[in-house]
Protein backbone atom coordinates (compact mmCIF):
# COMPACT_ATOMS: atom_id res chain seq x y z
CA UNK A 1 127.08 154.98 55.76
CA UNK A 2 130.55 153.45 55.34
CA UNK A 3 131.16 149.81 54.38
CA UNK A 4 132.35 148.85 57.88
CA UNK A 5 129.23 150.39 59.50
CA UNK A 6 126.96 148.52 57.05
CA UNK A 7 128.70 145.25 57.80
CA UNK A 8 128.49 145.80 61.58
CA UNK A 9 124.75 146.52 61.22
CA UNK A 10 124.43 143.08 59.56
CA UNK A 11 126.44 141.46 62.36
CA UNK A 12 129.53 141.03 60.27
CA UNK A 13 132.86 141.93 61.91
CA UNK A 14 135.45 143.08 59.41
CA UNK A 15 139.23 143.05 59.89
CA UNK A 16 142.25 143.83 57.76
CA UNK A 17 144.31 141.00 56.36
CA UNK A 18 146.67 140.14 53.62
CA UNK A 19 145.45 138.37 50.48
CA UNK A 20 146.99 135.13 51.69
CA UNK A 21 145.27 135.37 55.07
CA UNK A 22 141.94 136.11 53.41
CA UNK A 23 142.33 133.12 51.07
CA UNK A 24 143.26 130.85 54.01
CA UNK A 25 140.21 132.05 55.98
CA UNK A 26 137.91 131.53 52.96
CA UNK A 27 139.29 128.00 52.40
CA UNK A 28 138.78 127.14 56.06
CA UNK A 29 135.20 128.47 56.00
CA UNK A 30 134.37 126.55 52.81
CA UNK A 31 135.63 123.31 54.39
CA UNK A 32 133.76 124.01 57.58
CA UNK A 33 130.44 124.62 55.83
CA UNK A 34 130.96 121.74 53.41
CA UNK A 35 131.29 119.45 56.45
CA UNK A 36 128.10 120.88 58.01
CA UNK A 37 126.19 120.43 54.76
CA UNK A 38 127.46 116.85 54.31
CA UNK A 39 126.84 115.77 57.89
CA UNK A 40 123.44 117.43 57.94
CA UNK A 41 122.50 115.84 54.63
CA UNK A 42 121.44 119.26 53.40
CA UNK A 43 120.32 119.39 49.78
CA UNK A 44 119.63 122.47 47.61
CA UNK A 45 116.07 123.05 46.53
């Protein structure tokens, strides 16, 4: 099974991008989830 097929099976949609686009997406996701964690007062166990 190819990488893309394995990701789709897990519900992850892949797409091509440049390194800069991938870094921007990762930064945006990190900020998004940091906000969720902070607002939800979520602590690690």
